[in-house]
Each structure stands twice: as structure tokens, then as C-alpha cells.
């Protein structure tokens, strides 16, 4: 009986890259969550509610990665190479705050780039 594994090609949207990274990290025993810093629509008042200024620029994924019995804070920013998205000033400022607090920030342009970084990172 031939049990060939079918591979599904997924479009390289920013959402798919983000979801794929979160699923991968969680499957490896890390804790990864998506952070939504865009406005949320309030249908009652018919307005978009902006995020608080303290979270403006927060990376798309926040992760506690384990290695050698320790946990490491990693912020992962998704900047899809196909959309040519760039780091904005408030994102750069937030990334600097993470680094100053002893965390790690990684900017990902594709799912493959993330996998390559993960292999080399030692996590």
C-alpha cells in the first residue's frame, strides 16, 4: 500500500507566515503568541479603537523560548518580502526597548528565513 505524504503549498501571506511560525514554535515546546496591535472595530460606536501607546510597535509574535533549562524572551517581527513591508519608527523603538531589557528581536521576511534562523539559534 502506497501511503505517499501529500504536501500542501500555502501562499506566503504575512498571516500564513505568522501562523506557521507560531505553530512551529509551540510544537517544539516553546510558548509563542500572536500580538494584535492594529485597531479593533467597535460596532456599537462605529469606530476603530487604537491600541494603547505602550504596546505600539510590539512585534507580531512574542515568544518564551527554552534552551538549556532557561527561558529566553524573543520578539519576532514579520516583514513579508513579497509585500516589501518595512520597519516603522515606532516598531524600531519598541525593538530597542526589548534589546535593552535583555530580550532578542528577530525580523523575519519569509517562513524559510525563520527556519534557517531557528536551526542556527540553538533553541
N, C-alpha and C. Protein backbone atom coordinates (compact mmCIF):
# COMPACT_ATOMS: atom_id res chain seq x y z
N UNK A 1 0.84 -1.18 0.00
CA UNK A 1 0.00 0.00 0.00
C UNK A 1 0.89 1.25 0.00
N UNK A 2 0.68 2.14 -0.95
CA UNK A 2 1.48 3.36 -1.08
C UNK A 2 0.83 4.47 -0.26
N UNK A 3 1.51 4.91 0.78
CA UNK A 3 0.99 5.95 1.66
C UNK A 3 1.81 7.23 1.47
N UNK A 4 1.80 7.76 0.26
CA UNK A 4 2.57 8.96 -0.03
C UNK A 4 2.00 10.15 0.74
N UNK A 5 2.90 10.92 1.30
CA UNK A 5 2.51 12.11 2.04
C UNK A 5 2.26 13.24 1.05
N UNK A 6 1.09 13.85 1.14
CA UNK A 6 0.78 14.98 0.27
C UNK A 6 1.18 16.26 0.95
N UNK A 7 1.95 17.05 0.26
CA UNK A 7 2.37 18.34 0.78
C UNK A 7 1.44 19.41 0.21
N UNK A 8 1.01 20.29 1.07
CA UNK A 8 0.13 21.37 0.67
C UNK A 8 0.95 22.65 0.55
N UNK A 9 0.83 23.32 -0.58
CA UNK A 9 1.50 24.60 -0.76
C UNK A 9 0.59 25.70 -0.22
N UNK A 10 1.14 26.49 0.66
CA UNK A 10 0.38 27.57 1.30
C UNK A 10 0.93 28.89 0.78
N UNK A 11 0.04 29.82 0.37
CA UNK A 11 0.53 31.12 -0.10
C UNK A 11 1.34 31.83 0.97
N UNK A 12 2.36 32.54 0.56
CA UNK A 12 3.28 33.21 1.50
C UNK A 12 2.72 34.55 1.95
N UNK A 13 1.50 34.54 2.49
CA UNK A 13 0.94 35.77 3.03
C UNK A 13 1.56 36.03 4.40
N UNK A 14 1.50 37.26 4.84
CA UNK A 14 2.03 37.59 6.16
C UNK A 14 1.30 36.79 7.23
N UNK A 15 0.00 36.65 7.10
CA UNK A 15 -0.79 35.88 8.06
C UNK A 15 -0.34 34.42 8.10
N UNK A 16 -0.11 33.81 6.94
CA UNK A 16 0.32 32.41 6.89
C UNK A 16 1.72 32.23 7.47
N UNK A 17 2.61 33.18 7.20
CA UNK A 17 3.96 33.11 7.77
C UNK A 17 3.87 33.18 9.29
N UNK A 18 3.08 34.12 9.80
CA UNK A 18 2.92 34.29 11.25
C UNK A 18 2.33 33.04 11.89
N UNK A 19 1.26 32.54 11.32
CA UNK A 19 0.61 31.34 11.86
C UNK A 19 1.54 30.14 11.82
N UNK A 20 2.27 29.98 10.72
CA UNK A 20 3.21 28.87 10.60
C UNK A 20 4.31 28.92 11.65
N UNK A 21 4.83 30.11 11.90
CA UNK A 21 5.90 30.26 12.90
C UNK A 21 5.37 29.95 14.30
N UNK A 22 4.19 30.47 14.62
CA UNK A 22 3.60 30.20 15.94
C UNK A 22 3.36 28.71 16.13
N UNK A 23 2.78 28.06 15.12
CA UNK A 23 2.51 26.62 15.22
C UNK A 23 3.82 25.83 15.38
N UNK A 24 4.84 26.20 14.61
CA UNK A 24 6.13 25.53 14.69
C UNK A 24 6.72 25.66 16.09
N UNK A 25 6.78 26.90 16.60
CA UNK A 25 7.39 27.14 17.91
C UNK A 25 6.65 26.40 19.02
N UNK A 26 5.33 26.47 19.01
CA UNK A 26 4.55 25.79 20.04
C UNK A 26 4.73 24.27 19.95
N UNK A 27 4.87 23.74 18.73
CA UNK A 27 5.07 22.29 18.57
C UNK A 27 6.44 21.85 19.10
N UNK A 28 7.38 22.77 19.21
CA UNK A 28 8.72 22.47 19.72
C UNK A 28 8.83 22.70 21.23
N UNK A 29 7.70 23.03 21.89
CA UNK A 29 7.70 23.21 23.33
C UNK A 29 7.95 24.62 23.81
N UNK A 30 8.05 25.57 22.89
CA UNK A 30 8.20 26.97 23.27
C UNK A 30 6.78 27.54 23.48
N UNK A 31 6.70 28.74 23.97
CA UNK A 31 5.41 29.42 24.12
C UNK A 31 5.41 30.63 23.20
N UNK A 32 4.59 30.59 22.17
CA UNK A 32 4.53 31.68 21.20
C UNK A 32 3.08 32.15 21.05
N UNK A 33 2.90 33.47 21.08
CA UNK A 33 1.56 34.05 20.92
C UNK A 33 1.62 35.20 19.92
N UNK A 34 0.52 35.39 19.26
CA UNK A 34 0.39 36.48 18.30
C UNK A 34 -0.08 37.73 19.04
N UNK A 35 0.47 38.86 18.66
CA UNK A 35 0.08 40.13 19.27
C UNK A 35 -0.59 40.98 18.20
N UNK A 36 -1.80 41.41 18.48
CA UNK A 36 -2.52 42.26 17.54
C UNK A 36 -2.43 43.69 18.02
N UNK A 37 -1.69 44.51 17.30
CA UNK A 37 -1.56 45.92 17.70
C UNK A 37 -2.27 46.85 16.72
N UNK A 38 -3.09 46.26 15.86
CA UNK A 38 -3.88 47.10 14.97
C UNK A 38 -5.16 47.52 15.69
N UNK A 39 -5.84 48.48 15.16
CA UNK A 39 -7.09 48.91 15.76
C UNK A 39 -8.16 47.83 15.67
N UNK A 40 -9.06 47.85 16.62
CA UNK A 40 -10.17 46.89 16.63
C UNK A 40 -11.45 47.68 16.44
N UNK A 41 -12.30 47.19 15.52
CA UNK A 41 -13.53 47.89 15.20
C UNK A 41 -14.56 47.70 16.31
N UNK A 42 -15.14 48.79 16.76
CA UNK A 42 -16.20 48.79 17.76
C UNK A 42 -17.52 49.04 17.02
N UNK A 43 -18.31 47.97 16.81
CA UNK A 43 -19.54 48.14 16.03
C UNK A 43 -20.61 48.98 16.73
N UNK A 44 -20.57 49.04 18.04
CA UNK A 44 -21.58 49.83 18.77
C UNK A 44 -21.35 51.32 18.53
N UNK A 45 -20.10 51.76 18.66
CA UNK A 45 -19.77 53.18 18.47
C UNK A 45 -19.33 53.49 17.04
N UNK A 46 -19.19 52.45 16.22
CA UNK A 46 -18.79 52.57 14.81
C UNK A 46 -17.46 53.32 14.65
N UNK A 47 -16.48 52.89 15.45
CA UNK A 47 -15.14 53.48 15.36
C UNK A 47 -14.10 52.38 15.52
N UNK A 48 -12.88 52.68 15.09
CA UNK A 48 -11.76 51.79 15.35
C UNK A 48 -11.10 52.25 16.65
N UNK A 49 -10.89 51.31 17.55
CA UNK A 49 -10.20 51.62 18.80
C UNK A 49 -8.73 51.31 18.61
N UNK A 50 -7.91 52.29 18.84
CA UNK A 50 -6.46 52.12 18.69
C UNK A 50 -5.89 51.41 19.91
N UNK A 51 -4.76 50.70 19.70
CA UNK A 51 -4.11 50.08 20.85
C UNK A 51 -3.52 51.15 21.76
N UNK A 52 -3.28 50.78 23.02
CA UNK A 52 -2.67 51.76 23.91
C UNK A 52 -1.25 52.05 23.41
N UNK A 53 -0.76 53.23 23.73
CA UNK A 53 0.53 53.66 23.21
C UNK A 53 1.69 52.83 23.74
N UNK A 54 1.51 52.16 24.87
CA UNK A 54 2.56 51.34 25.43
C UNK A 54 2.86 50.10 24.58
N UNK A 55 1.86 49.61 23.83
CA UNK A 55 2.07 48.41 23.01
C UNK A 55 2.33 48.75 21.54
N UNK A 56 2.29 50.00 21.18
CA UNK A 56 2.53 50.41 19.80
C UNK A 56 3.95 50.02 19.38
N UNK A 57 4.06 49.25 18.31
CA UNK A 57 5.36 48.81 17.83
C UNK A 57 5.76 47.43 18.32
N UNK A 58 4.91 46.81 19.14
CA UNK A 58 5.20 45.48 19.66
C UNK A 58 5.33 44.49 18.50
N UNK A 59 6.30 43.56 18.55
CA UNK A 59 6.46 42.58 17.48
C UNK A 59 5.20 41.73 17.29
N UNK A 60 5.06 41.15 16.12
CA UNK A 60 3.89 40.34 15.78
C UNK A 60 3.78 39.09 16.64
N UNK A 61 4.92 38.51 17.02
CA UNK A 61 4.93 37.30 17.83
C UNK A 61 5.80 37.54 19.06
N UNK A 62 5.27 37.20 20.23
CA UNK A 62 6.05 37.19 21.45
C UNK A 62 6.25 35.74 21.85
N UNK A 63 7.47 35.41 22.23
CA UNK A 63 7.78 34.01 22.48
C UNK A 63 8.71 33.87 23.68
N UNK A 64 8.44 32.87 24.49
CA UNK A 64 9.38 32.45 25.52
C UNK A 64 9.97 31.14 25.00
N UNK A 65 11.23 31.19 24.62
CA UNK A 65 11.89 30.03 24.03
C UNK A 65 12.78 29.38 25.06
N UNK A 66 12.71 28.05 25.11
CA UNK A 66 13.51 27.35 26.11
C UNK A 66 14.75 26.74 25.47
N UNK A 67 15.83 26.82 26.22
CA UNK A 67 17.10 26.21 25.81
C UNK A 67 17.96 26.06 27.05
N UNK A 68 18.58 24.92 27.18
CA UNK A 68 19.49 24.66 28.32
C UNK A 68 18.82 24.89 29.67
N UNK A 69 17.54 24.57 29.77
CA UNK A 69 16.84 24.73 31.04
C UNK A 69 16.45 26.16 31.37
N UNK A 70 16.68 27.10 30.47
CA UNK A 70 16.34 28.51 30.69
C UNK A 70 15.30 28.97 29.67
N UNK A 71 14.62 30.05 30.00
CA UNK A 71 13.68 30.67 29.08
C UNK A 71 14.24 31.98 28.56
N UNK A 72 14.03 32.25 27.29
CA UNK A 72 14.53 33.46 26.65
C UNK A 72 13.38 34.19 25.98
N UNK A 73 13.33 35.50 26.20
CA UNK A 73 12.28 36.32 25.58
C UNK A 73 12.71 36.67 24.16
N UNK A 74 11.84 36.35 23.20
CA UNK A 74 12.12 36.66 21.79
C UNK A 74 10.90 37.33 21.19
N UNK A 75 11.12 38.47 20.56
CA UNK A 75 10.09 39.14 19.78
C UNK A 75 10.38 38.90 18.31
N UNK A 76 9.37 38.44 17.58
CA UNK A 76 9.55 38.15 16.16
C UNK A 76 8.65 39.09 15.36
N UNK A 77 9.26 39.89 14.54
CA UNK A 77 8.55 40.84 13.67
C UNK A 77 8.47 40.25 12.28
N UNK A 78 7.28 40.21 11.71
CA UNK A 78 7.09 39.68 10.35
C UNK A 78 7.05 40.83 9.37
N UNK A 79 7.98 40.82 8.43
CA UNK A 79 8.01 41.80 7.34
C UNK A 79 8.14 41.01 6.05
N UNK A 80 7.01 40.67 5.47
CA UNK A 80 6.93 39.80 4.31
C UNK A 80 7.73 40.37 3.14
N UNK A 81 8.66 39.57 2.60
CA UNK A 81 9.48 40.02 1.47
C UNK A 81 8.64 40.28 0.22
N UNK A 82 7.48 39.61 0.10
CA UNK A 82 6.64 39.81 -1.07
C UNK A 82 5.88 41.13 -1.04
N UNK A 83 5.59 41.63 0.16
CA UNK A 83 4.87 42.91 0.26
C UNK A 83 5.80 44.09 0.43
N UNK A 84 7.10 43.80 0.61
CA UNK A 84 8.12 44.84 0.78
C UNK A 84 7.82 45.76 1.96
N UNK A 85 7.20 45.19 2.98
CA UNK A 85 6.90 45.92 4.21
C UNK A 85 8.20 46.31 4.91
N UNK A 86 8.23 47.47 5.50
CA UNK A 86 9.43 47.98 6.18
C UNK A 86 9.15 48.21 7.66
N UNK A 87 10.21 48.22 8.47
CA UNK A 87 10.10 48.53 9.90
C UNK A 87 9.76 50.01 10.05
N UNK A 88 8.74 50.28 10.84
CA UNK A 88 8.35 51.67 11.10
C UNK A 88 9.09 52.19 12.34
N UNK A 89 9.09 53.50 12.50
CA UNK A 89 9.84 54.12 13.59
C UNK A 89 9.40 53.59 14.97
N UNK A 90 8.08 53.49 15.19
CA UNK A 90 7.61 53.03 16.50
C UNK A 90 7.95 51.55 16.73
N UNK A 91 8.06 50.77 15.65
CA UNK A 91 8.48 49.37 15.80
C UNK A 91 9.96 49.30 16.17
N UNK A 92 10.76 50.11 15.51
CA UNK A 92 12.19 50.14 15.81
C UNK A 92 12.43 50.56 17.26
N UNK A 93 11.67 51.53 17.72
CA UNK A 93 11.80 51.98 19.11
C UNK A 93 11.41 50.88 20.10
N UNK A 94 10.35 50.14 19.80
CA UNK A 94 9.93 49.05 20.68
C UNK A 94 10.98 47.94 20.69
N UNK A 95 11.53 47.64 19.51
CA UNK A 95 12.57 46.62 19.42
C UNK A 95 13.78 46.98 20.28
N UNK A 96 14.14 48.26 20.27
CA UNK A 96 15.26 48.72 21.10
C UNK A 96 14.96 48.53 22.57
N UNK A 97 13.72 48.74 22.98
CA UNK A 97 13.33 48.52 24.38
C UNK A 97 13.49 47.05 24.77
N UNK A 98 13.13 46.16 23.87
CA UNK A 98 13.29 44.72 24.14
C UNK A 98 14.77 44.38 24.31
N UNK A 99 15.59 44.88 23.40
CA UNK A 99 17.03 44.61 23.47
C UNK A 99 17.64 45.16 24.76
N UNK A 100 17.24 46.36 25.14
CA UNK A 100 17.76 46.98 26.37
C UNK A 100 17.36 46.19 27.61
N UNK A 101 16.22 45.48 27.54
CA UNK A 101 15.74 44.69 28.67
C UNK A 101 16.33 43.27 28.65
N UNK A 102 17.20 42.98 27.69
CA UNK A 102 17.86 41.68 27.65
C UNK A 102 17.19 40.66 26.76
N UNK A 103 16.17 41.06 26.02
CA UNK A 103 15.48 40.15 25.11
C UNK A 103 16.14 40.11 23.74
N UNK A 104 15.56 39.31 22.87
CA UNK A 104 16.04 39.14 21.50
C UNK A 104 14.92 39.57 20.56
N UNK A 105 15.28 40.23 19.48
CA UNK A 105 14.32 40.59 18.44
C UNK A 105 14.83 40.05 17.12
N UNK A 106 13.94 39.41 16.38
CA UNK A 106 14.32 38.89 15.08
C UNK A 106 13.28 39.32 14.06
N UNK A 107 13.73 39.89 12.95
CA UNK A 107 12.84 40.30 11.87
C UNK A 107 12.86 39.21 10.81
N UNK A 108 11.69 38.69 10.49
CA UNK A 108 11.53 37.58 9.55
C UNK A 108 10.90 38.08 8.26
N UNK A 109 11.46 37.69 7.13
CA UNK A 109 10.92 38.09 5.83
C UNK A 109 10.25 36.94 5.09
N UNK A 110 10.47 35.72 5.57
CA UNK A 110 9.83 34.54 4.97
C UNK A 110 9.85 33.41 5.99
N UNK A 111 9.02 32.40 5.78
CA UNK A 111 8.99 31.25 6.68
C UNK A 111 10.32 30.51 6.62
N UNK A 112 10.89 30.39 5.41
CA UNK A 112 12.17 29.69 5.28
C UNK A 112 13.29 30.43 6.02
N UNK A 113 13.27 31.76 5.96
CA UNK A 113 14.27 32.54 6.69
C UNK A 113 14.16 32.26 8.19
N UNK A 114 12.92 32.17 8.69
CA UNK A 114 12.73 31.84 10.10
C UNK A 114 13.31 30.46 10.41
N UNK A 115 13.02 29.44 9.58
CA UNK A 115 13.53 28.09 9.82
C UNK A 115 15.05 28.07 9.83
N UNK A 116 15.66 28.82 8.92
CA UNK A 116 17.13 28.89 8.87
C UNK A 116 17.67 29.51 10.16
N UNK A 117 17.04 30.61 10.62
CA UNK A 117 17.45 31.25 11.87
C UNK A 117 17.29 30.29 13.04
N UNK A 118 16.16 29.59 13.08
CA UNK A 118 15.88 28.67 14.19
C UNK A 118 16.95 27.58 14.29
N UNK A 119 17.34 27.03 13.15
CA UNK A 119 18.37 25.98 13.13
C UNK A 119 19.69 26.50 13.70
N UNK A 120 20.05 27.73 13.36
CA UNK A 120 21.31 28.31 13.80
C UNK A 120 21.28 28.88 15.22
N UNK A 121 20.08 29.15 15.74
CA UNK A 121 19.94 29.89 17.00
C UNK A 121 20.29 29.07 18.24
N UNK A 122 20.20 27.78 18.16
CA UNK A 122 20.49 26.95 19.33
C UNK A 122 19.29 26.68 20.21
N UNK A 123 18.12 27.14 19.80
CA UNK A 123 16.91 26.84 20.57
C UNK A 123 16.44 25.48 20.15
